N, C-alpha and C. Protein backbone atom coordinates (compact mmCIF):
# COMPACT_ATOMS: atom_id res chain seq x y z
N MET A 1 -27.73 22.53 -73.95
CA MET A 1 -27.26 21.26 -74.05
C MET A 1 -27.94 20.57 -75.43
N THR A 2 -26.94 20.15 -76.33
CA THR A 2 -27.39 19.55 -77.63
C THR A 2 -28.44 18.35 -77.38
N GLN A 3 -29.05 17.99 -78.54
CA GLN A 3 -30.06 16.93 -78.71
C GLN A 3 -29.05 15.68 -78.52
N ARG A 4 -28.01 15.66 -79.43
CA ARG A 4 -27.04 14.38 -79.30
C ARG A 4 -26.28 14.26 -78.10
N TYR A 5 -25.92 15.37 -77.30
CA TYR A 5 -25.35 15.22 -75.92
C TYR A 5 -26.33 14.58 -75.04
N ARG A 6 -27.49 14.97 -74.95
CA ARG A 6 -28.56 14.60 -74.15
C ARG A 6 -28.82 13.23 -74.27
N LEU A 7 -29.04 12.86 -75.68
CA LEU A 7 -29.02 11.30 -75.85
C LEU A 7 -27.86 10.36 -75.49
N THR A 8 -26.55 10.84 -75.60
CA THR A 8 -25.50 10.35 -75.18
C THR A 8 -25.74 9.95 -73.41
N LEU A 9 -25.98 11.13 -72.72
CA LEU A 9 -26.24 10.92 -71.34
C LEU A 9 -27.43 9.80 -71.10
N VAL A 10 -28.33 9.96 -71.85
CA VAL A 10 -29.42 8.98 -71.64
C VAL A 10 -29.01 7.63 -71.83
N VAL A 11 -28.16 7.31 -72.78
CA VAL A 11 -27.77 5.95 -73.38
C VAL A 11 -26.85 5.40 -72.20
N ALA A 12 -26.02 6.57 -71.73
CA ALA A 12 -25.04 6.08 -70.68
C ALA A 12 -25.92 5.70 -69.25
N ALA A 13 -26.91 6.69 -69.09
CA ALA A 13 -27.66 6.06 -67.84
C ALA A 13 -28.36 4.89 -68.06
N PHE A 14 -28.95 4.71 -69.17
CA PHE A 14 -29.66 3.56 -69.35
C PHE A 14 -28.77 2.38 -69.17
N ALA A 15 -27.58 2.54 -69.81
CA ALA A 15 -26.50 1.21 -69.65
C ALA A 15 -26.13 1.17 -68.20
N ALA A 16 -26.08 2.05 -67.33
CA ALA A 16 -25.75 1.66 -66.17
C ALA A 16 -27.01 1.19 -65.27
N VAL A 17 -28.01 1.31 -65.50
CA VAL A 17 -29.32 0.66 -65.07
C VAL A 17 -29.36 -0.70 -65.63
N LEU A 18 -29.25 -0.84 -66.81
CA LEU A 18 -29.18 -2.22 -67.48
C LEU A 18 -28.21 -3.16 -66.77
N VAL A 19 -26.98 -2.73 -66.51
CA VAL A 19 -26.03 -3.37 -65.66
C VAL A 19 -26.54 -3.80 -64.16
N ALA A 20 -27.32 -2.86 -63.62
CA ALA A 20 -28.05 -3.33 -62.29
C ALA A 20 -28.70 -4.75 -62.28
N GLY A 21 -29.34 -4.94 -63.52
CA GLY A 21 -30.28 -6.10 -63.70
C GLY A 21 -29.44 -7.12 -64.33
N CYS A 22 -28.16 -7.10 -64.54
CA CYS A 22 -27.60 -8.11 -65.35
C CYS A 22 -26.44 -8.86 -64.38
N GLY A 23 -26.68 -8.81 -63.11
CA GLY A 23 -25.71 -9.15 -62.27
C GLY A 23 -25.58 -10.71 -62.03
N SER A 24 -26.60 -11.57 -62.52
CA SER A 24 -26.59 -13.07 -62.52
C SER A 24 -25.98 -13.67 -61.63
N GLY A 25 -26.14 -12.99 -60.28
CA GLY A 25 -25.29 -13.60 -59.30
C GLY A 25 -24.06 -13.29 -58.97
N THR A 26 -23.39 -12.58 -59.86
CA THR A 26 -21.92 -12.14 -59.56
C THR A 26 -22.05 -10.80 -58.92
N LYS A 27 -21.14 -10.75 -58.11
CA LYS A 27 -21.05 -9.43 -57.43
C LYS A 27 -20.38 -8.41 -58.30
N LEU A 28 -21.17 -7.45 -58.57
CA LEU A 28 -20.64 -6.30 -59.42
C LEU A 28 -19.57 -5.35 -58.78
N LYS A 29 -18.49 -5.18 -59.48
CA LYS A 29 -17.47 -4.16 -58.89
C LYS A 29 -17.60 -2.82 -59.24
N PRO A 30 -17.24 -1.95 -58.37
CA PRO A 30 -17.23 -0.61 -58.65
C PRO A 30 -15.94 -0.24 -59.59
N VAL A 31 -16.36 0.82 -60.48
CA VAL A 31 -15.34 1.03 -61.32
C VAL A 31 -15.14 2.59 -61.35
N SER A 32 -13.92 3.08 -61.36
CA SER A 32 -13.81 4.71 -61.30
C SER A 32 -12.54 5.19 -62.26
N GLY A 33 -12.40 6.35 -62.37
CA GLY A 33 -11.14 6.73 -63.16
C GLY A 33 -11.43 8.17 -63.62
N THR A 34 -10.36 8.50 -64.38
CA THR A 34 -10.11 9.90 -64.73
C THR A 34 -9.93 9.65 -66.38
N VAL A 35 -10.26 11.06 -67.06
CA VAL A 35 -10.16 11.28 -68.34
C VAL A 35 -9.35 12.45 -68.57
N THR A 36 -8.41 12.60 -69.28
CA THR A 36 -7.86 14.01 -69.75
C THR A 36 -8.04 14.17 -71.10
N TYR A 37 -8.15 15.43 -71.33
CA TYR A 37 -8.34 15.74 -72.93
C TYR A 37 -7.53 16.78 -73.21
N LYS A 38 -6.31 16.54 -74.18
CA LYS A 38 -5.48 17.72 -74.29
C LYS A 38 -4.99 18.40 -73.20
N GLY A 39 -4.56 17.40 -72.25
CA GLY A 39 -3.79 17.71 -71.12
C GLY A 39 -4.57 18.20 -69.88
N GLU A 40 -6.01 18.44 -70.04
CA GLU A 40 -6.73 19.01 -69.05
C GLU A 40 -7.80 18.01 -68.93
N PRO A 41 -8.48 18.02 -67.60
CA PRO A 41 -9.66 17.16 -67.28
C PRO A 41 -10.79 17.23 -68.16
N LEU A 42 -11.22 16.05 -68.80
CA LEU A 42 -12.38 16.27 -69.88
C LEU A 42 -13.52 16.97 -68.98
N ASP A 43 -14.11 18.18 -69.49
CA ASP A 43 -14.99 18.88 -68.81
C ASP A 43 -16.38 18.25 -68.77
N SER A 44 -16.93 17.43 -69.78
CA SER A 44 -17.97 16.82 -69.83
C SER A 44 -18.05 15.70 -71.03
N GLY A 45 -18.74 14.53 -70.60
CA GLY A 45 -18.85 13.60 -71.63
C GLY A 45 -19.48 12.23 -71.14
N SER A 46 -19.20 11.15 -71.58
CA SER A 46 -19.97 9.81 -71.30
C SER A 46 -18.65 8.78 -71.48
N ILE A 47 -18.78 7.73 -70.76
CA ILE A 47 -17.93 6.57 -70.92
C ILE A 47 -18.84 5.40 -70.92
N THR A 48 -18.52 4.47 -71.98
CA THR A 48 -19.35 3.29 -72.11
C THR A 48 -18.39 1.95 -71.90
N PHE A 49 -18.77 1.23 -71.26
CA PHE A 49 -18.12 -0.20 -71.24
C PHE A 49 -18.85 -1.27 -71.85
N LEU A 50 -18.38 -1.95 -72.85
CA LEU A 50 -18.90 -3.03 -73.53
C LEU A 50 -18.18 -4.36 -73.39
N TYR A 51 -18.85 -5.15 -72.92
CA TYR A 51 -18.32 -6.70 -72.54
C TYR A 51 -17.96 -7.05 -73.73
N THR A 52 -16.68 -7.65 -73.71
CA THR A 52 -16.02 -8.33 -75.08
C THR A 52 -16.49 -9.64 -75.38
N ASN A 53 -17.18 -10.32 -74.66
CA ASN A 53 -17.59 -11.81 -74.78
C ASN A 53 -19.28 -11.61 -74.94
N PRO A 54 -19.70 -11.11 -75.96
CA PRO A 54 -21.29 -11.11 -75.94
C PRO A 54 -22.04 -12.53 -75.90
N PRO A 55 -23.10 -12.60 -75.56
CA PRO A 55 -23.66 -11.70 -74.83
C PRO A 55 -23.36 -11.19 -73.35
N GLY A 56 -23.12 -10.19 -73.08
CA GLY A 56 -22.59 -9.62 -71.82
C GLY A 56 -23.19 -8.43 -71.27
N PRO A 57 -22.85 -8.00 -70.02
CA PRO A 57 -23.22 -6.82 -69.47
C PRO A 57 -22.54 -5.54 -70.07
N ALA A 58 -23.12 -4.60 -69.95
CA ALA A 58 -22.57 -3.18 -70.37
C ALA A 58 -22.65 -2.18 -69.22
N GLY A 59 -22.06 -1.13 -69.29
CA GLY A 59 -22.22 -0.19 -68.30
C GLY A 59 -21.76 1.13 -68.66
N GLY A 60 -21.96 2.02 -67.92
CA GLY A 60 -21.59 3.57 -68.38
C GLY A 60 -21.76 4.54 -67.35
N ALA A 61 -21.12 5.70 -67.46
CA ALA A 61 -20.99 6.61 -66.52
C ALA A 61 -20.99 8.05 -67.19
N VAL A 62 -21.26 9.04 -66.56
CA VAL A 62 -21.22 10.33 -67.03
C VAL A 62 -19.80 10.84 -66.64
N ILE A 63 -19.01 11.66 -67.45
CA ILE A 63 -17.72 12.15 -66.99
C ILE A 63 -17.75 13.67 -66.79
N THR A 64 -17.46 14.13 -65.55
CA THR A 64 -17.55 15.57 -65.20
C THR A 64 -16.32 15.80 -64.33
N ASN A 65 -15.86 17.06 -65.07
CA ASN A 65 -14.54 17.51 -64.56
C ASN A 65 -13.39 16.34 -64.62
N GLY A 66 -13.38 15.34 -65.67
CA GLY A 66 -12.37 14.55 -65.78
C GLY A 66 -12.59 13.16 -64.95
N THR A 67 -13.58 13.17 -64.19
CA THR A 67 -13.79 11.93 -63.33
C THR A 67 -15.14 11.18 -63.68
N PHE A 68 -15.23 9.86 -63.56
CA PHE A 68 -16.30 9.16 -63.67
C PHE A 68 -16.22 7.99 -62.56
N GLU A 69 -17.42 7.54 -62.06
CA GLU A 69 -17.75 6.39 -61.21
C GLU A 69 -18.89 5.79 -61.46
N ILE A 70 -18.92 4.34 -61.26
CA ILE A 70 -19.81 3.40 -61.24
C ILE A 70 -19.64 2.78 -59.84
N ALA A 71 -20.60 3.21 -59.19
CA ALA A 71 -20.72 2.69 -57.67
C ALA A 71 -20.82 1.19 -57.59
N SER A 72 -20.53 0.49 -56.71
CA SER A 72 -20.74 -0.95 -56.26
C SER A 72 -22.01 -1.70 -56.75
N PRO A 73 -23.09 -0.98 -56.19
CA PRO A 73 -24.54 -1.50 -56.54
C PRO A 73 -24.76 -1.72 -58.07
N GLN A 74 -24.18 -0.63 -58.82
CA GLN A 74 -24.43 -0.76 -60.25
C GLN A 74 -22.95 -1.11 -61.04
N GLY A 75 -22.02 -1.50 -60.40
CA GLY A 75 -20.87 -1.79 -60.92
C GLY A 75 -20.71 -2.78 -62.17
N LEU A 76 -19.57 -3.24 -62.54
CA LEU A 76 -19.44 -4.04 -63.71
C LEU A 76 -19.05 -5.63 -63.28
N GLU A 77 -19.39 -6.51 -63.76
CA GLU A 77 -19.04 -8.00 -63.46
C GLU A 77 -17.54 -7.99 -63.89
N PRO A 78 -16.83 -8.81 -63.27
CA PRO A 78 -15.29 -9.02 -63.79
C PRO A 78 -15.20 -9.48 -65.07
N GLY A 79 -14.39 -8.94 -65.83
CA GLY A 79 -14.15 -9.37 -67.24
C GLY A 79 -13.30 -8.30 -67.99
N THR A 80 -13.47 -8.51 -69.55
CA THR A 80 -12.68 -7.55 -70.21
C THR A 80 -13.86 -6.81 -71.09
N TYR A 81 -13.55 -5.45 -70.98
CA TYR A 81 -14.62 -4.52 -71.74
C TYR A 81 -13.77 -3.64 -72.70
N GLN A 82 -14.61 -3.40 -73.70
CA GLN A 82 -14.17 -2.34 -74.78
C GLN A 82 -14.86 -1.14 -74.41
N VAL A 83 -14.01 0.03 -74.10
CA VAL A 83 -14.23 1.26 -73.71
C VAL A 83 -14.49 2.26 -74.61
N ARG A 84 -15.44 3.18 -74.61
CA ARG A 84 -15.80 4.03 -75.66
C ARG A 84 -16.10 5.53 -74.92
N ILE A 85 -15.33 6.48 -75.23
CA ILE A 85 -15.39 7.69 -74.59
C ILE A 85 -16.10 8.68 -75.78
N SER A 86 -16.88 9.41 -75.22
CA SER A 86 -17.64 10.43 -76.00
C SER A 86 -17.78 11.85 -75.30
N SER A 87 -17.42 12.93 -76.13
CA SER A 87 -17.74 14.13 -75.82
C SER A 87 -17.96 15.13 -76.90
N PRO A 88 -19.29 15.23 -77.27
CA PRO A 88 -19.66 16.20 -78.27
C PRO A 88 -19.81 17.46 -77.74
N LYS A 89 -19.24 18.31 -78.89
CA LYS A 89 -19.15 19.76 -78.62
C LYS A 89 -19.31 20.74 -79.82
N GLY A 90 -19.73 21.86 -79.90
CA GLY A 90 -19.92 22.54 -81.00
C GLY A 90 -21.06 22.13 -82.03
N ILE A 91 -20.92 22.56 -83.26
CA ILE A 91 -21.87 22.04 -84.28
C ILE A 91 -21.02 21.28 -85.33
N GLY A 92 -21.51 20.07 -85.69
CA GLY A 92 -21.09 19.03 -86.52
C GLY A 92 -21.75 19.47 -87.90
N GLN A 93 -22.04 18.40 -88.84
CA GLN A 93 -22.52 18.62 -90.09
C GLN A 93 -23.44 17.49 -90.29
N ARG A 94 -24.53 17.88 -91.00
CA ARG A 94 -25.65 16.74 -91.50
C ARG A 94 -25.18 16.10 -92.52
N THR A 95 -25.66 14.89 -92.65
CA THR A 95 -25.73 14.18 -93.91
C THR A 95 -26.76 14.52 -94.91
N PRO A 96 -26.72 14.13 -96.23
CA PRO A 96 -27.97 14.52 -96.91
C PRO A 96 -29.04 13.88 -96.63
N GLU A 97 -29.11 12.87 -95.99
CA GLU A 97 -30.47 12.19 -95.38
C GLU A 97 -30.79 12.78 -94.22
N GLN A 98 -30.07 13.32 -93.44
CA GLN A 98 -30.37 13.97 -92.26
C GLN A 98 -31.05 15.39 -92.65
N ILE A 99 -30.62 15.92 -93.49
CA ILE A 99 -31.12 17.13 -94.05
C ILE A 99 -32.51 17.03 -94.73
N ALA A 100 -32.58 15.93 -95.62
CA ALA A 100 -33.91 15.61 -96.03
C ALA A 100 -34.90 15.27 -95.06
N ALA A 101 -34.46 14.77 -93.98
CA ALA A 101 -35.41 14.34 -92.87
C ALA A 101 -35.71 15.46 -91.80
N GLY A 102 -35.08 16.65 -92.05
CA GLY A 102 -35.15 17.85 -91.10
C GLY A 102 -34.53 17.80 -89.88
N ALA A 103 -33.70 16.72 -89.84
CA ALA A 103 -32.87 16.52 -88.42
C ALA A 103 -32.08 17.68 -88.03
N SER A 104 -32.05 17.94 -86.58
CA SER A 104 -31.06 18.96 -86.23
C SER A 104 -29.72 18.77 -86.40
N VAL A 105 -28.98 19.82 -86.47
CA VAL A 105 -27.46 19.70 -86.42
C VAL A 105 -26.96 18.88 -85.52
N PRO A 106 -26.22 18.00 -85.46
CA PRO A 106 -25.73 17.03 -84.37
C PRO A 106 -24.30 17.77 -83.95
N ALA A 107 -24.09 17.53 -82.71
CA ALA A 107 -22.72 18.15 -82.27
C ALA A 107 -21.79 17.34 -82.80
N LYS A 108 -20.57 18.07 -82.89
CA LYS A 108 -19.25 17.59 -83.31
C LYS A 108 -18.59 16.58 -82.27
N GLU A 109 -18.18 15.54 -82.59
CA GLU A 109 -17.47 14.80 -81.50
C GLU A 109 -16.22 15.30 -81.47
N ARG A 110 -15.52 15.59 -80.12
CA ARG A 110 -14.10 15.75 -79.73
C ARG A 110 -13.05 14.67 -79.82
N ILE A 111 -13.69 13.58 -79.35
CA ILE A 111 -12.87 12.34 -78.96
C ILE A 111 -12.43 11.66 -80.28
N PRO A 112 -11.29 11.47 -80.64
CA PRO A 112 -10.85 10.70 -81.93
C PRO A 112 -11.54 9.28 -81.76
N PRO A 113 -11.58 8.78 -83.00
CA PRO A 113 -12.41 7.50 -83.31
C PRO A 113 -11.76 6.24 -82.55
N ASN A 114 -10.54 6.29 -82.45
CA ASN A 114 -9.95 5.14 -81.54
C ASN A 114 -10.14 5.11 -80.17
N TYR A 115 -10.95 6.07 -79.51
CA TYR A 115 -11.37 6.07 -78.26
C TYR A 115 -13.00 6.06 -78.36
N ASN A 116 -13.53 6.04 -79.47
CA ASN A 116 -14.78 6.29 -79.46
C ASN A 116 -15.49 5.21 -80.61
N THR A 117 -15.96 5.72 -81.55
CA THR A 117 -16.57 4.69 -82.49
C THR A 117 -15.86 3.38 -83.09
N LYS A 118 -14.62 3.78 -83.27
CA LYS A 118 -13.48 2.72 -83.45
C LYS A 118 -12.63 2.20 -82.32
N SER A 119 -13.16 2.24 -81.34
CA SER A 119 -12.45 2.12 -80.04
C SER A 119 -11.35 0.94 -79.91
N THR A 120 -10.12 1.21 -79.74
CA THR A 120 -8.98 0.20 -79.40
C THR A 120 -8.79 0.17 -77.85
N GLN A 121 -9.61 0.85 -76.99
CA GLN A 121 -9.35 0.78 -75.84
C GLN A 121 -9.93 -0.67 -75.08
N THR A 122 -9.35 -1.17 -74.10
CA THR A 122 -10.09 -2.22 -73.24
C THR A 122 -9.53 -2.06 -71.83
N ILE A 123 -10.44 -2.60 -70.97
CA ILE A 123 -9.91 -2.60 -69.49
C ILE A 123 -10.26 -4.06 -69.11
N GLU A 124 -9.68 -4.54 -68.05
CA GLU A 124 -10.02 -5.75 -67.29
C GLU A 124 -10.45 -5.32 -65.91
N VAL A 125 -11.79 -5.66 -65.73
CA VAL A 125 -12.34 -5.47 -64.41
C VAL A 125 -12.01 -6.69 -63.64
N THR A 126 -11.40 -6.67 -62.52
CA THR A 126 -11.05 -7.86 -61.61
C THR A 126 -11.71 -7.94 -60.28
N GLU A 127 -11.75 -9.25 -60.10
CA GLU A 127 -12.69 -9.45 -58.70
C GLU A 127 -11.95 -8.75 -57.59
N SER A 128 -10.62 -8.66 -57.44
CA SER A 128 -10.13 -8.07 -56.18
C SER A 128 -9.67 -6.68 -56.31
N GLY A 129 -9.82 -6.01 -57.37
CA GLY A 129 -9.68 -4.48 -57.76
C GLY A 129 -8.36 -4.18 -57.31
N PRO A 130 -8.20 -2.98 -57.23
CA PRO A 130 -9.11 -1.85 -57.48
C PRO A 130 -9.27 -1.67 -58.87
N ASN A 131 -10.39 -1.26 -59.36
CA ASN A 131 -10.68 -1.16 -60.72
C ASN A 131 -11.01 0.25 -61.00
N VAL A 132 -9.52 1.12 -61.00
CA VAL A 132 -9.44 2.45 -61.35
C VAL A 132 -8.74 2.62 -62.56
N PHE A 133 -9.04 3.34 -63.74
CA PHE A 133 -8.73 3.36 -64.88
C PHE A 133 -8.34 4.89 -65.33
N SER A 134 -7.45 5.24 -66.04
CA SER A 134 -7.14 6.70 -66.44
C SER A 134 -6.98 6.49 -68.04
N TRP A 135 -7.31 7.59 -68.68
CA TRP A 135 -7.07 7.94 -69.99
C TRP A 135 -6.63 9.36 -70.42
N SER A 136 -5.57 9.46 -71.11
CA SER A 136 -5.17 10.70 -71.57
C SER A 136 -5.13 10.79 -73.10
N ILE A 137 -6.09 11.60 -73.34
CA ILE A 137 -6.49 11.67 -75.09
C ILE A 137 -5.97 13.13 -75.40
N ASN A 138 -5.39 13.03 -76.62
CA ASN A 138 -4.62 14.20 -77.23
C ASN A 138 -5.32 14.60 -78.37
């Protein structure tokens, strides 16, 4: 497991814990779904939900075999969220600054930027649910 992948998992886990403390009296809703990559269930990765009306809650989950779930106790507040999906694999490239600093080679991100760093994906978590979402990434 690469250092960047571990960091991604830690960030997703932290975001999920953060949401548990951000309920502000609102009942948190469970969120689940599926992610396919090139026609197959995404083997591993993370999904992050960023509230679009900052400051607001955030959440995240690990994607395993194409599925993710944020259970009710750690769910998301109703509202609109930007979605970011990440699944680093293989070996990427270091910038000159990273080389000078002696940083390890980061994993290469498989997911296209419009689902990741420049995400255009959003979801609406509703009070009544079900809050089940799916993405098919090519």
